[in-house]
Amino acid sequence: MAKVVNGLLVGRVGNLVYYILNGKQCVRSYVKPRDPKTSRQVAHRLKIKVCSKFLKSFWNVIKIGYAGNNVAISAFNDAFNYHLTNAMEEFTLPENNETSYRVIPENVKLASGLINAPVIYSCERNGLQIELAWKSELGPIPNRHTDQVVVTAYIPEQKAYTVFHAGIRKEGGGKIVMPGNFNQPVHVWVFYWNPEKKTKSVKEKVSDSVYLGVI
């Protein structure tokens, strides 16, 4: 079933498939696969499922981090396309030798923008608290002293926890306190976001995210 994305159709209607290419509405005839359950197709559907499930844990971050990338598709679809291509790893399940997929955390990009990515000097954890120190120098436009540092902590199979204002660039450091159920090692990403910035391009309000590892 087709759906409307920014006024354009995406999906199947009868024997026609509607899609968006370079921001324009396109359509082609639907061709039924000869065998929709070949091992290659099953594996690809599994890859899609794993990628989609992972990204849903970060929806509140992605809708900000990818808001300005492509007006023709949604932020989630834009993030999905990136991660399906760049952040998925194939591996073999030891118990049955079947192919499966997993996400490569260091390749995950929660935000994609034109602000320079944060330079993190340190990231230390004490219980549920994470304290960071970052480079405070401004750099060229579109960087701003008031760019907010966004911190996301993630435990696999759980919804990510995000603080959208852990400090601002000129302060050079800040901290967050995670919920009580985050009392185990977490993956951490950071990026800059400036929702108050006046600009024609939404991409100038965010930076690329930086993966800080597991702490």
Foldseek 3Di string as FASTA:
>chain_A
DWDAALNEIAQDDVQKGWDADPLDIDIDGHDDDPDCDDLVNVQLVQLLVQLLVVCVLVVVLQQQQQVFPDSSGHSSVVQSVQQSPFFKDWDADPVPRRIHIHGHLQRRKSHAADQAWWAWPDWDDDFQKIKTFTAQDADDPPGDQFWAKKKWWDDPPHRIDIDRHQDGSNVRMGMDGHDPVPRDKTKMKMWTADPPDDDPGSRRGIHIIGTPGID
